[in-house]
Amino acid sequence: MSSRVLAHGIRAVFPVGFDPVVNVIRDYDPASNVYFTVLGTNPRVAIAFGQKFFFRIGHYLACMTLVIERGSETEVRIIAHSGLQFSAFSDYGASADYARCA
């Protein structure tokens, strides 16, 4: 049996500053309802963990979001993970949907 798991990721670069993007993620519960912090690094980095229940698979999915300051732009990386074994064949697109909505 395979030990692979179902996960999806998205990367986007926004032509706006770091603070507005961080505020949106902080205020969006499915993206940050487990943990949220802004690291004291240069460039600034924010880390958020969220969790959401998906009825179509009867399982919670986890989501990790990284927000990275890139001068006048802000990079966002989102990884949604079902925790289901790859041998389960499919999470019916739940982790991809979560990555898009987080």
PDB file of N, CA and C in Angstrom:
ATOM      1  N   MET A   1       0.839  -1.179   0.000  1.00  0.00           N
ATOM      2  CA  MET A   1       0.000   0.000   0.000  1.00  0.00           C
ATOM      3  C   MET A   1       0.888   1.249   0.000  1.00  0.00           C
ATOM      4  N   SER A   2       0.525   2.222  -0.776  1.00  0.00           N
ATOM      5  CA  SER A   2       1.301   3.447  -0.896  1.00  0.00           C
ATOM      6  C   SER A   2       1.164   4.316   0.351  1.00  0.00           C
ATOM      7  N   SER A   3       2.242   5.003   0.711  1.00  0.00           N
ATOM      8  CA  SER A   3       2.186   5.932   1.842  1.00  0.00           C
ATOM      9  C   SER A   3       1.964   7.366   1.379  1.00  0.00           C
ATOM     10  N   ARG A   4       1.689   7.561   0.103  1.00  0.00           N
ATOM     11  CA  ARG A   4       1.428   8.904  -0.420  1.00  0.00           C
ATOM     12  C   ARG A   4       0.082   9.403   0.074  1.00  0.00           C
ATOM     13  N   VAL A   5      -0.024  10.707   0.163  1.00  0.00           N
ATOM     14  CA  VAL A   5      -1.274  11.317   0.606  1.00  0.00           C
ATOM     15  C   VAL A   5      -1.721  12.352  -0.415  1.00  0.00           C
ATOM     16  N   LEU A   6      -2.997  12.678  -0.377  1.00  0.00           N
ATOM     17  CA  LEU A   6      -3.550  13.646  -1.311  1.00  0.00           C
ATOM     18  C   LEU A   6      -3.328  15.055  -0.788  1.00  0.00           C
ATOM     19  N   ALA A   7      -2.758  15.920  -1.621  1.00  0.00           N
ATOM     20  CA  ALA A   7      -2.518  17.316  -1.254  1.00  0.00           C
ATOM     21  C   ALA A   7      -2.538  18.153  -2.531  1.00  0.00           C
ATOM     22  N   HIS A   8      -2.836  19.427  -2.378  1.00  0.00           N
ATOM     23  CA  HIS A   8      -2.819  20.365  -3.495  1.00  0.00           C
ATOM     24  C   HIS A   8      -2.194  21.669  -3.025  1.00  0.00           C
ATOM     25  N   GLY A   9      -1.499  22.333  -3.925  1.00  0.00           N
ATOM     26  CA  GLY A   9      -0.878  23.602  -3.592  1.00  0.00           C
ATOM     27  C   GLY A   9      -1.143  24.654  -4.643  1.00  0.00           C
ATOM     28  N   ILE A  10      -1.106  25.884  -4.196  1.00  0.00           N
ATOM     29  CA  ILE A  10      -1.299  27.040  -5.075  1.00  0.00           C
ATOM     30  C   ILE A  10      -0.258  28.089  -4.697  1.00  0.00           C
ATOM     31  N   ARG A  11       0.286  28.758  -5.693  1.00  0.00           N
ATOM     32  CA  ARG A  11       1.215  29.869  -5.467  1.00  0.00           C
ATOM     33  C   ARG A  11       0.708  31.059  -6.267  1.00  0.00           C
ATOM     34  N   ALA A  12       0.663  32.225  -5.622  1.00  0.00           N
ATOM     35  CA  ALA A  12       0.213  33.443  -6.301  1.00  0.00           C
ATOM     36  C   ALA A  12       1.054  34.617  -5.828  1.00  0.00           C
ATOM     37  N   VAL A  13       1.276  35.561  -6.720  1.00  0.00           N
ATOM     38  CA  VAL A  13       1.974  36.804  -6.377  1.00  0.00           C
ATOM     39  C   VAL A  13       1.004  37.955  -6.629  1.00  0.00           C
ATOM     40  N   PHE A  14       0.773  38.751  -5.588  1.00  0.00           N
ATOM     41  CA  PHE A  14      -0.173  39.858  -5.673  1.00  0.00           C
ATOM     42  C   PHE A  14       0.575  41.185  -5.722  1.00  0.00           C
ATOM     43  N   PRO A  15       0.128  42.134  -6.557  1.00  0.00           N
ATOM     44  CA  PRO A  15       0.798  43.427  -6.671  1.00  0.00           C
ATOM     45  C   PRO A  15       0.364  44.410  -5.581  1.00  0.00           C
ATOM     46  N   VAL A  16       0.318  43.918  -4.340  1.00  0.00           N
ATOM     47  CA  VAL A  16      -0.045  44.754  -3.194  1.00  0.00           C
ATOM     48  C   VAL A  16       0.938  44.477  -2.062  1.00  0.00           C
ATOM     49  N   GLY A  17       0.921  45.336  -1.064  1.00  0.00           N
ATOM     50  CA  GLY A  17       1.811  45.195   0.071  1.00  0.00           C
ATOM     51  C   GLY A  17       1.466  44.010   0.958  1.00  0.00           C
ATOM     52  N   PHE A  18       2.348  43.706   1.862  1.00  0.00           N
ATOM     53  CA  PHE A  18       2.247  42.569   2.771  1.00  0.00           C
ATOM     54  C   PHE A  18       1.069  42.687   3.740  1.00  0.00           C
ATOM     55  N   ASP A  19       0.917  43.835   4.375  1.00  0.00           N
ATOM     56  CA  ASP A  19      -0.096  44.001   5.429  1.00  0.00           C
ATOM     57  C   ASP A  19      -1.534  43.748   4.973  1.00  0.00           C
ATOM     58  N   PRO A  20      -1.975  44.284   3.826  1.00  0.00           N
ATOM     59  CA  PRO A  20      -3.356  43.995   3.402  1.00  0.00           C
ATOM     60  C   PRO A  20      -3.618  42.501   3.163  1.00  0.00           C
ATOM     61  N   VAL A  21      -2.644  41.800   2.605  1.00  0.00           N
ATOM     62  CA  VAL A  21      -2.805  40.366   2.349  1.00  0.00           C
ATOM     63  C   VAL A  21      -2.876  39.609   3.673  1.00  0.00           C
ATOM     64  N   VAL A  22      -2.004  39.945   4.598  1.00  0.00           N
ATOM     65  CA  VAL A  22      -2.004  39.295   5.913  1.00  0.00           C
ATOM     66  C   VAL A  22      -3.329  39.529   6.629  1.00  0.00           C
ATOM     67  N   ASN A  23      -3.866  40.730   6.541  1.00  0.00           N
ATOM     68  CA  ASN A  23      -5.138  41.030   7.207  1.00  0.00           C
ATOM     69  C   ASN A  23      -6.287  40.199   6.645  1.00  0.00           C
ATOM     70  N   VAL A  24      -6.292  39.982   5.335  1.00  0.00           N
ATOM     71  CA  VAL A  24      -7.341  39.156   4.723  1.00  0.00           C
ATOM     72  C   VAL A  24      -7.247  37.724   5.236  1.00  0.00           C
ATOM     73  N   ILE A  25      -6.047  37.173   5.265  1.00  0.00           N
ATOM     74  CA  ILE A  25      -5.873  35.786   5.712  1.00  0.00           C
ATOM     75  C   ILE A  25      -6.192  35.644   7.195  1.00  0.00           C
ATOM     76  N   ARG A  26      -5.770  36.602   7.991  1.00  0.00           N
ATOM     77  CA  ARG A  26      -6.048  36.563   9.435  1.00  0.00           C
ATOM     78  C   ARG A  26      -7.555  36.572   9.703  1.00  0.00           C
ATOM     79  N   ASP A  27      -8.309  37.308   8.904  1.00  0.00           N
ATOM     80  CA  ASP A  27      -9.748  37.435   9.117  1.00  0.00           C
ATOM     81  C   ASP A  27     -10.571  36.338   8.454  1.00  0.00           C
ATOM     82  N   TYR A  28      -9.933  35.472   7.664  1.00  0.00           N
ATOM     83  CA  TYR A  28     -10.663  34.406   6.969  1.00  0.00           C
ATOM     84  C   TYR A  28     -10.480  33.108   7.751  1.00  0.00           C
ATOM     85  N   ASP A  29     -11.512  32.725   8.483  1.00  0.00           N
ATOM     86  CA  ASP A  29     -11.444  31.610   9.427  1.00  0.00           C
ATOM     87  C   ASP A  29     -10.923  30.296   8.837  1.00  0.00           C
ATOM     88  N   PRO A  30     -11.386  29.820   7.673  1.00  0.00           N
ATOM     89  CA  PRO A  30     -10.881  28.544   7.161  1.00  0.00           C
ATOM     90  C   PRO A  30      -9.378  28.546   6.861  1.00  0.00           C
ATOM     91  N   ALA A  31      -8.783  29.720   6.722  1.00  0.00           N
ATOM     92  CA  ALA A  31      -7.351  29.793   6.444  1.00  0.00           C
ATOM     93  C   ALA A  31      -6.508  29.906   7.708  1.00  0.00           C
ATOM     94  N   SER A  32      -7.099  30.371   8.816  1.00  0.00           N
ATOM     95  CA  SER A  32      -6.260  30.664   9.984  1.00  0.00           C
ATOM     96  C   SER A  32      -6.912  30.306  11.319  1.00  0.00           C
ATOM     97  N   ASN A  33      -7.870  29.391  11.334  1.00  0.00           N
ATOM     98  CA  ASN A  33      -8.593  29.115  12.576  1.00  0.00           C
ATOM     99  C   ASN A  33      -7.825  28.245  13.566  1.00  0.00           C
ATOM    100  N   VAL A  34      -6.692  27.678  13.170  1.00  0.00           N
ATOM    101  CA  VAL A  34      -5.885  26.871  14.084  1.00  0.00           C
ATOM    102  C   VAL A  34      -4.710  27.673  14.631  1.00  0.00           C
ATOM    103  N   TYR A  35      -3.999  28.403  13.754  1.00  0.00           N
ATOM    104  CA  TYR A  35      -2.792  29.113  14.178  1.00  0.00           C
ATOM    105  C   TYR A  35      -2.486  30.220  13.176  1.00  0.00           C
ATOM    106  N   PHE A  36      -1.987  31.339  13.688  1.00  0.00           N
ATOM    107  CA  PHE A  36      -1.571  32.440  12.828  1.00  0.00           C
ATOM    108  C   PHE A  36      -0.453  33.208  13.515  1.00  0.00           C
ATOM    109  N   THR A  37       0.599  33.532  12.780  1.00  0.00           N
ATOM    110  CA  THR A  37       1.670  34.363  13.321  1.00  0.00           C
ATOM    111  C   THR A  37       2.405  35.070  12.191  1.00  0.00           C
ATOM    112  N   VAL A  38       2.950  36.225  12.510  1.00  0.00           N
ATOM    113  CA  VAL A  38       3.845  36.939  11.604  1.00  0.00           C
ATOM    114  C   VAL A  38       5.228  36.859  12.232  1.00  0.00           C
ATOM    115  N   LEU A  39       6.167  36.291  11.500  1.00  0.00           N
ATOM    116  CA  LEU A  39       7.527  36.136  12.014  1.00  0.00           C
ATOM    117  C   LEU A  39       8.280  37.459  11.953  1.00  0.00           C
ATOM    118  N   GLY A  40       9.185  37.648  12.855  1.00  0.00           N
ATOM    119  CA  GLY A  40       9.992  38.868  12.891  1.00  0.00           C
ATOM    120  C   GLY A  40      11.211  38.752  12.003  1.00  0.00           C
ATOM    121  N   THR A  41      11.005  38.425  10.746  1.00  0.00           N
ATOM    122  CA  THR A  41      12.097  38.249   9.796  1.00  0.00           C
ATOM    123  C   THR A  41      12.093  39.367   8.773  1.00  0.00           C
ATOM    124  N   ASN A  42      13.157  39.428   7.986  1.00  0.00           N
ATOM    125  CA  ASN A  42      13.236  40.378   6.893  1.00  0.00           C
ATOM    126  C   ASN A  42      13.686  39.620   5.658  1.00  0.00           C
ATOM    127  N   PRO A  43      12.846  39.417   4.656  1.00  0.00           N
ATOM    128  CA  PRO A  43      11.499  39.935   4.487  1.00  0.00           C
ATOM    129  C   PRO A  43      10.521  39.293   5.470  1.00  0.00           C
ATOM    130  N   ARG A  44       9.398  39.995   5.687  1.00  0.00           N
ATOM    131  CA  ARG A  44       8.396  39.482   6.617  1.00  0.00           C
ATOM    132  C   ARG A  44       7.716  38.244   6.044  1.00  0.00           C
ATOM    133  N   VAL A  45       7.388  37.333   6.953  1.00  0.00           N
ATOM    134  CA  VAL A  45       6.716  36.090   6.585  1.00  0.00           C
ATOM    135  C   VAL A  45       5.602  35.845   7.590  1.00  0.00           C
ATOM    136  N   ALA A  46       4.439  35.475   7.097  1.00  0.00           N
ATOM    137  CA  ALA A  46       3.321  35.088   7.962  1.00  0.00           C
ATOM    138  C   ALA A  46       3.012  33.620   7.690  1.00  0.00           C
ATOM    139  N   ILE A  47       2.636  32.914   8.756  1.00  0.00           N
ATOM    140  CA  ILE A  47       2.270  31.506   8.650  1.00  0.00           C
ATOM    141  C   ILE A  47       0.888  31.332   9.250  1.00  0.00           C
ATOM    142  N   ALA A  48       0.022  30.647   8.519  1.00  0.00           N
ATOM    143  CA  ALA A  48      -1.335  30.390   9.003  1.00  0.00           C
ATOM    144  C   ALA A  48      -1.683  28.921   8.779  1.00  0.00           C
ATOM    145  N   PHE A  49      -2.377  28.346   9.759  1.00  0.00           N
ATOM    146  CA  PHE A  49      -2.902  26.990   9.627  1.00  0.00           C
ATOM    147  C   PHE A  49      -4.404  27.046   9.830  1.00  0.00           C
ATOM    148  N   GLY A  50      -5.112  26.378   8.966  1.00  0.00           N
ATOM    149  CA  GLY A  50      -6.557  26.307   9.080  1.00  0.00           C
ATOM    150  C   GLY A  50      -7.036  24.882   8.949  1.00  0.00           C
ATOM    151  N   GLN A  51      -8.268  24.672   9.319  1.00  0.00           N
ATOM    152  CA  GLN A  51      -8.877  23.350   9.220  1.00  0.00           C
ATOM    153  C   GLN A  51     -10.349  23.514   8.896  1.00  0.00           C
ATOM    154  N   LYS A  52     -10.859  22.649   8.030  1.00  0.00           N
ATOM    155  CA  LYS A  52     -12.257  22.742   7.621  1.00  0.00           C
ATOM    156  C   LYS A  52     -12.787  21.333   7.364  1.00  0.00           C
ATOM    157  N   PHE A  53     -14.039  21.105   7.756  1.00  0.00           N
ATOM    158  CA  PHE A  53     -14.669  19.801   7.526  1.00  0.00           C
ATOM    159  C   PHE A  53     -15.330  19.789   6.160  1.00  0.00           C
ATOM    160  N   PHE A  54     -15.095  18.728   5.386  1.00  0.00           N
ATOM    161  CA  PHE A  54     -15.706  18.559   4.081  1.00  0.00           C
ATOM    162  C   PHE A  54     -16.641  17.361   4.121  1.00  0.00           C
ATOM    163  N   PHE A  55     -17.932  17.617   3.972  1.00  0.00           N
ATOM    164  CA  PHE A  55     -18.939  16.560   4.050  1.00  0.00           C
ATOM    165  C   PHE A  55     -18.780  15.520   2.952  1.00  0.00           C
ATOM    166  N   ARG A  56     -18.315  15.948   1.768  1.00  0.00           N
ATOM    167  CA  ARG A  56     -18.235  14.998   0.646  1.00  0.00           C
ATOM    168  C   ARG A  56     -17.263  13.857   0.905  1.00  0.00           C
ATOM    169  N   ILE A  57     -16.289  14.073   1.829  1.00  0.00           N
ATOM    170  CA  ILE A  57     -15.374  12.985   2.171  1.00  0.00           C
ATOM    171  C   ILE A  57     -15.503  12.568   3.630  1.00  0.00           C
ATOM    172  N   GLY A  58     -16.318  13.298   4.405  1.00  0.00           N
ATOM    173  CA  GLY A  58     -16.506  12.968   5.813  1.00  0.00           C
ATOM    174  C   GLY A  58     -15.233  13.085   6.616  1.00  0.00           C
ATOM    175  N   HIS A  59     -14.442  14.113   6.312  1.00  0.00           N
ATOM    176  CA  HIS A  59     -13.111  14.228   6.905  1.00  0.00           C
ATOM    177  C   HIS A  59     -12.714  15.713   6.976  1.00  0.00           C
ATOM    178  N   TYR A  60     -11.883  16.042   7.983  1.00  0.00           N
ATOM    179  CA  TYR A  60     -11.301  17.382   8.057  1.00  0.00           C
ATOM    180  C   TYR A  60     -10.105  17.472   7.127  1.00  0.00           C
ATOM    181  N   LEU A  61      -9.909  18.640   6.546  1.00  0.00           N
ATOM    182  CA  LEU A  61      -8.719  18.924   5.763  1.00  0.00           C
ATOM    183  C   LEU A  61      -7.938  20.031   6.445  1.00  0.00           C
ATOM    184  N   ALA A  62      -6.637  19.962   6.328  1.00  0.00           N
ATOM    185  CA  ALA A  62      -5.762  20.984   6.897  1.00  0.00           C
ATOM    186  C   ALA A  62      -5.211  21.851   5.775  1.00  0.00           C
ATOM    187  N   CYS A  63      -4.946  23.102   6.117  1.00  0.00           N
ATOM    188  CA  CYS A  63      -4.441  24.053   5.139  1.00  0.00           C
ATOM    189  C   CYS A  63      -3.321  24.869   5.776  1.00  0.00           C
ATOM    190  N   MET A  64      -2.185  24.982   5.089  1.00  0.00           N
ATOM    191  CA  MET A  64      -1.088  25.827   5.539  1.00  0.00           C
ATOM    192  C   MET A  64      -0.900  26.942   4.522  1.00  0.00           C
ATOM    193  N   THR A  65      -0.821  28.170   5.004  1.00  0.00           N
ATOM    194  CA  THR A  65      -0.622  29.324   4.134  1.00  0.00           C
ATOM    195  C   THR A  65       0.641  30.062   4.555  1.00  0.00           C
ATOM    196  N   LEU A  66       1.496  30.336   3.590  1.00  0.00           N
ATOM    197  CA  LEU A  66       2.684  31.161   3.803  1.00  0.00           C
ATOM    198  C   LEU A  66       2.496  32.451   3.025  1.00  0.00           C
ATOM    199  N   VAL A  67       2.754  33.572   3.672  1.00  0.00           N
ATOM    200  CA  VAL A  67       2.696  34.879   3.019  1.00  0.00           C
ATOM    201  C   VAL A  67       4.093  35.466   3.131  1.00  0.00           C
ATOM    202  N   ILE A  68       4.688  35.810   1.985  1.00  0.00           N
ATOM    203  CA  ILE A  68       6.083  36.265   1.950  1.00  0.00           C
ATOM    204  C   ILE A  68       6.141  37.646   1.315  1.00  0.00           C
ATOM    205  N   GLU A  69       6.743  38.578   2.021  1.00  0.00           N
ATOM    206  CA  GLU A  69       6.906  39.951   1.523  1.00  0.00           C
ATOM    207  C   GLU A  69       7.965  39.964   0.426  1.00  0.00           C
ATOM    208  N   ARG A  70       7.619  40.535  -0.726  1.00  0.00           N
ATOM    209  CA  ARG A  70       8.538  40.627  -1.872  1.00  0.00           C
ATOM    210  C   ARG A  70       8.564  42.063  -2.379  1.00  0.00           C
ATOM    211  N   GLY A  71       9.006  42.994  -1.531  1.00  0.00           N
ATOM    212  CA  GLY A  71       9.028  44.398  -1.916  1.00  0.00           C
ATOM    213  C   GLY A  71       7.623  44.946  -2.028  1.00  0.00           C
ATOM    214  N   SER A  72       7.256  45.426  -3.230  1.00  0.00           N
ATOM    215  CA  SER A  72       5.912  45.969  -3.433  1.00  0.00           C
ATOM    216  C   SER A  72       4.897  44.873  -3.763  1.00  0.00           C
ATOM    217  N   GLU A  73       5.362  43.629  -3.856  1.00  0.00           N
ATOM    218  CA  GLU A  73       4.483  42.495  -4.119  1.00  0.00           C
ATOM    219  C   GLU A  73       4.459  41.569  -2.909  1.00  0.00           C
ATOM    220  N   THR A  74       3.475  40.682  -2.886  1.00  0.00           N
ATOM    221  CA  THR A  74       3.352  39.714  -1.810  1.00  0.00           C
ATOM    222  C   THR A  74       3.080  38.348  -2.416  1.00  0.00           C
ATOM    223  N   GLU A  75       3.895  37.376  -2.028  1.00  0.00           N
ATOM    224  CA  GLU A  75       3.729  36.006  -2.504  1.00  0.00           C
ATOM    225  C   GLU A  75       2.929  35.210  -1.480  1.00  0.00           C
ATOM    226  N   VAL A  76       1.966  34.438  -1.962  1.00  0.00           N
ATOM    227  CA  VAL A  76       1.146  33.589  -1.103  1.00  0.00           C
ATOM    228  C   VAL A  76       1.259  32.157  -1.600  1.00  0.00           C
ATOM    229  N   ARG A  77       1.566  31.248  -0.676  1.00  0.00           N
ATOM    230  CA  ARG A  77       1.629  29.822  -0.993  1.00  0.00           C
ATOM    231  C   ARG A  77       0.655  29.098  -0.075  1.00  0.00           C
ATOM    232  N   ILE A  78      -0.227  28.305  -0.672  1.00  0.00           N
ATOM    233  CA  ILE A  78      -1.246  27.588   0.086  1.00  0.00           C
ATOM    234  C   ILE A  78      -1.123  26.104  -0.222  1.00  0.00           C
ATOM    235  N   ILE A  79      -1.080  25.292   0.822  1.00  0.00           N
ATOM    236  CA  ILE A  79      -1.053  23.844   0.667  1.00  0.00           C
ATOM    237  C   ILE A  79      -2.200  23.267   1.483  1.00  0.00           C
ATOM    238  N   ALA A  80      -3.095  22.556   0.806  1.00  0.00           N
ATOM    239  CA  ALA A  80      -4.221  21.894   1.470  1.00  0.00           C
ATOM    240  C   ALA A  80      -3.967  20.394   1.431  1.00  0.00           C
ATOM    241  N   HIS A  81      -4.217  19.740   2.548  1.00  0.00           N
ATOM    242  CA  HIS A  81      -3.867  18.338   2.704  1.00  0.00           C
ATOM    243  C   HIS A  81      -5.031  17.582   3.314  1.00  0.00           C
ATOM    244  N   SER A  82      -5.422  16.494   2.670  1.00  0.00           N
ATOM    245  CA  SER A  82      -6.560  15.728   3.159  1.00  0.00           C
ATOM    246  C   SER A  82      -6.193  14.766   4.274  1.00  0.00           C
ATOM    247  N   GLY A  83      -4.939  14.349   4.342  1.00  0.00           N
ATOM    248  CA  GLY A  83      -4.540  13.353   5.324  1.00  0.00           C
ATOM    249  C   GLY A  83      -4.967  11.952   4.933  1.00  0.00           C
ATOM    250  N   LEU A  84      -5.719  11.837   3.837  1.00  0.00           N
ATOM    251  CA  LEU A  84      -6.159  10.528   3.368  1.00  0.00           C
ATOM    252  C   LEU A  84      -5.023   9.856   2.600  1.00  0.00           C
ATOM    253  N   GLN A  85      -4.922   8.563   2.723  1.00  0.00           N
ATOM    254  CA  GLN A  85      -3.917   7.817   1.978  1.00  0.00           C
ATOM    255  C   GLN A  85      -4.202   7.897   0.492  1.00  0.00           C
ATOM    256  N   PHE A  86      -3.150   7.938  -0.308  1.00  0.00           N
ATOM    257  CA  PHE A  86      -3.288   7.984  -1.763  1.00  0.00           C
ATOM    258  C   PHE A  86      -4.085   6.787  -2.273  1.00  0.00           C
ATOM    259  N   SER A  87      -3.961   5.678  -1.562  1.00  0.00           N
ATOM    260  CA  SER A  87      -4.686   4.478  -1.983  1.00  0.00           C
ATOM    261  C   SER A  87      -6.200   4.634  -1.819  1.00  0.00           C
ATOM    262  N   ALA A  88      -6.631   5.689  -1.123  1.00  0.00           N
ATOM    263  CA  ALA A  88      -8.069   5.970  -1.018  1.00  0.00           C
ATOM    264  C   ALA A  88      -8.611   6.433  -2.368  1.00  0.00           C
ATOM    265  N   PHE A  89      -7.719   6.621  -3.346  1.00  0.00           N
ATOM    266  CA  PHE A  89      -8.000   6.976  -4.735  1.00  0.00           C
ATOM    267  C   PHE A  89      -8.335   8.439  -4.931  1.00  0.00           C
ATOM    268  N   SER A  90      -9.225   8.989  -4.137  1.00  0.00           N
ATOM    269  CA  SER A  90      -9.615  10.379  -4.371  1.00  0.00           C
ATOM    270  C   SER A  90     -10.234  10.988  -3.131  1.00  0.00           C
ATOM    271  N   ASP A  91     -10.023  12.280  -2.988  1.00  0.00           N
ATOM    272  CA  ASP A  91     -10.748  13.024  -1.955  1.00  0.00           C
ATOM    273  C   ASP A  91     -11.853  13.843  -2.622  1.00  0.00           C
ATOM    274  N   TYR A  92     -12.216  13.442  -3.840  1.00  0.00           N
ATOM    275  CA  TYR A  92     -13.291  14.066  -4.616  1.00  0.00           C
ATOM    276  C   TYR A  92     -13.059  15.563  -4.840  1.00  0.00           C
ATOM    277  N   GLY A  93     -11.792  15.938  -4.931  1.00  0.00           N
ATOM    278  CA  GLY A  93     -11.446  17.327  -5.205  1.00  0.00           C
ATOM    279  C   GLY A  93     -11.512  18.245  -4.004  1.00  0.00           C
ATOM    280  N   ALA A  94     -11.722  17.700  -2.806  1.00  0.00           N
ATOM    281  CA  ALA A  94     -11.873  18.537  -1.617  1.00  0.00           C
ATOM    282  C   ALA A  94     -10.599  19.316  -1.308  1.00  0.00           C
ATOM    283  N   SER A  95      -9.418  18.681  -1.384  1.00  0.00           N
ATOM    284  CA  SER A  95      -8.194  19.420  -1.062  1.00  0.00           C
ATOM    285  C   SER A  95      -7.903  20.496  -2.103  1.00  0.00           C
ATOM    286  N   ALA A  96      -8.232  20.256  -3.354  1.00  0.00           N
ATOM    287  CA  ALA A  96      -8.050  21.296  -4.377  1.00  0.00           C
ATOM    288  C   ALA A  96      -9.013  22.461  -4.133  1.00  0.00           C
ATOM    289  N   ASP A  97     -10.257  22.161  -3.789  1.00  0.00           N
ATOM    290  CA  ASP A  97     -11.214  23.223  -3.491  1.00  0.00           C
ATOM    291  C   ASP A  97     -10.779  24.038  -2.287  1.00  0.00           C
ATOM    292  N   TYR A  98     -10.264  23.361  -1.260  1.00  0.00           N
ATOM    293  CA  TYR A  98      -9.826  24.054  -0.046  1.00  0.00           C
ATOM    294  C   TYR A  98      -8.651  24.961  -0.335  1.00  0.00           C
ATOM    295  N   ALA A  99      -7.698  24.499  -1.146  1.00  0.00           N
ATOM    296  CA  ALA A  99      -6.554  25.329  -1.515  1.00  0.00           C
ATOM    297  C   ALA A  99      -7.020  26.582  -2.247  1.00  0.00           C
ATOM    298  N   ARG A 100      -8.019  26.449  -3.108  1.00  0.00           N
ATOM    299  CA  ARG A 100      -8.522  27.599  -3.857  1.00  0.00           C
ATOM    300  C   ARG A 100      -9.290  28.566  -2.970  1.00  0.00           C
ATOM    301  N   CYS A 101     -10.043  28.054  -1.984  1.00  0.00           N
ATOM    302  CA  CYS A 101     -10.865  28.954  -1.164  1.00  0.00           C
ATOM    303  C   CYS A 101     -10.087  29.513   0.019  1.00  0.00           C
ATOM    304  N   ALA A 102      -8.974  28.883   0.393  1.00  0.00           N
ATOM    305  CA  ALA A 102      -8.178  29.403   1.503  1.00  0.00           C
ATOM    306  C   ALA A 102      -7.283  30.458   0.964  1.00  0.00           C
TER     307      ALA A 102
END
